[in-house]
Amino acid sequence: MNYAMKVYPIHLENGKTEWCVEYLGLKGCVGGGDTIGEAIADAEASKSVYLSYLEKTKKQCSNA
């Protein structure tokens, strides 16, 4: 199943930019990194753990 992903920059006070990825249909499932690619990879890892947890506990998630 595909889940909508929101990718956005976070501008830090020190001038650095980090990236955040949220899965909109998976509440609290996020990732972050110094690049968009790192943030997406981190979010994918979080999504895998999140969906595994839902499957093991037989909980439902909202679809994006």
C-alpha atoms as a PDB file:
ATOM      1  CA  MET A   1       0.000   0.000   0.000  1.00  0.00           C
ATOM      2  CA  ASN A   2       1.225   3.480  -0.825  1.00  0.00           C
ATOM      3  CA  TYR A   3       1.087   6.279   1.720  1.00  0.00           C
ATOM      4  CA  ALA A   4       1.236   9.991   0.955  1.00  0.00           C
ATOM      5  CA  MET A   5       4.513  11.560   1.995  1.00  0.00           C
ATOM      6  CA  LYS A   6       5.144  15.173   2.971  1.00  0.00           C
ATOM      7  CA  VAL A   7       8.751  16.370   2.575  1.00  0.00           C
ATOM      8  CA  TYR A   8       9.832  19.736   3.899  1.00  0.00           C
ATOM      9  CA  PRO A   9      12.971  21.605   4.972  1.00  0.00           C
ATOM     10  CA  ILE A  10      13.692  22.688   8.525  1.00  0.00           C
ATOM     11  CA  HIS A  11      15.879  25.801   8.659  1.00  0.00           C
ATOM     12  CA  LEU A  12      17.999  25.861  11.802  1.00  0.00           C
ATOM     13  CA  GLU A  13      19.293  28.966  13.569  1.00  0.00           C
ATOM     14  CA  ASN A  14      22.877  28.092  12.633  1.00  0.00           C
ATOM     15  CA  GLY A  15      21.995  28.413   8.933  1.00  0.00           C
ATOM     16  CA  LYS A  16      21.903  24.678   8.320  1.00  0.00           C
ATOM     17  CA  THR A  17      18.944  23.039   6.594  1.00  0.00           C
ATOM     18  CA  GLU A  18      17.706  19.599   7.569  1.00  0.00           C
ATOM     19  CA  TRP A  19      14.885  17.660   5.949  1.00  0.00           C
ATOM     20  CA  CYS A  20      11.808  16.048   7.455  1.00  0.00           C
ATOM     21  CA  VAL A  21       9.487  13.446   5.928  1.00  0.00           C
ATOM     22  CA  GLU A  22       6.057  12.609   7.335  1.00  0.00           C
ATOM     23  CA  TYR A  23       3.700   9.857   6.242  1.00  0.00           C
ATOM     24  CA  LEU A  24       0.357  11.605   6.413  1.00  0.00           C
ATOM     25  CA  GLY A  25      -1.707   8.436   6.895  1.00  0.00           C
ATOM     26  CA  LEU A  26       0.626   7.016   9.546  1.00  0.00           C
ATOM     27  CA  LYS A  27       0.344   9.313  12.554  1.00  0.00           C
ATOM     28  CA  GLY A  28       3.746   9.950  14.108  1.00  0.00           C
ATOM     29  CA  CYS A  29       5.675   8.116  11.394  1.00  0.00           C
ATOM     30  CA  VAL A  30       8.479  10.501  10.434  1.00  0.00           C
ATOM     31  CA  GLY A  31      12.066  10.567   9.287  1.00  0.00           C
ATOM     32  CA  GLY A  32      14.798  13.138   9.046  1.00  0.00           C
ATOM     33  CA  GLY A  33      18.221  13.753   7.598  1.00  0.00           C
ATOM     34  CA  ASP A  34      20.735  16.183   6.195  1.00  0.00           C
ATOM     35  CA  THR A  35      19.493  15.505   2.653  1.00  0.00           C
ATOM     36  CA  ILE A  36      16.113  14.669   1.153  1.00  0.00           C
ATOM     37  CA  GLY A  37      17.398  11.187   0.329  1.00  0.00           C
ATOM     38  CA  GLU A  38      18.528  10.572   3.909  1.00  0.00           C
ATOM     39  CA  ALA A  39      15.197  11.805   5.264  1.00  0.00           C
ATOM     40  CA  ILE A  40      13.222   9.550   2.912  1.00  0.00           C
ATOM     41  CA  ALA A  41      15.386   6.530   3.792  1.00  0.00           C
ATOM     42  CA  ASP A  42      14.904   7.233   7.501  1.00  0.00           C
ATOM     43  CA  ALA A  43      11.134   7.596   7.019  1.00  0.00           C
ATOM     44  CA  GLU A  44      11.024   4.326   5.051  1.00  0.00           C
ATOM     45  CA  ALA A  45      12.750   2.561   7.953  1.00  0.00           C
ATOM     46  CA  SER A  46      10.265   4.110  10.388  1.00  0.00           C
ATOM     47  CA  LYS A  47       7.368   3.074   8.154  1.00  0.00           C
ATOM     48  CA  SER A  48       8.590  -0.503   8.086  1.00  0.00           C
ATOM     49  CA  VAL A  49       8.739  -0.688  11.890  1.00  0.00           C
ATOM     50  CA  TYR A  50       5.400   1.114  12.212  1.00  0.00           C
ATOM     51  CA  LEU A  51       3.569  -1.208   9.831  1.00  0.00           C
ATOM     52  CA  SER A  52       5.171  -4.268  11.419  1.00  0.00           C
ATOM     53  CA  TYR A  53       3.899  -3.104  14.808  1.00  0.00           C
ATOM     54  CA  LEU A  54       0.390  -2.586  13.430  1.00  0.00           C
ATOM     55  CA  GLU A  55       0.418  -6.051  11.881  1.00  0.00           C
ATOM     56  CA  LYS A  56       1.634  -7.738  15.066  1.00  0.00           C
ATOM     57  CA  THR A  57      -0.912  -5.946  17.244  1.00  0.00           C
ATOM     58  CA  LYS A  58      -3.691  -6.145  14.631  1.00  0.00           C
ATOM     59  CA  LYS A  59      -4.273  -2.401  14.882  1.00  0.00           C
ATOM     60  CA  GLN A  60      -5.683  -0.275  12.081  1.00  0.00           C
ATOM     61  CA  CYS A  61      -4.136   2.794  10.516  1.00  0.00           C
ATOM     62  CA  SER A  62      -5.781   5.517   8.509  1.00  0.00           C
ATOM     63  CA  ASN A  63      -5.142   5.383   4.773  1.00  0.00           C
ATOM     64  CA  ALA A  64      -3.621   8.346   3.030  1.00  0.00           C
END
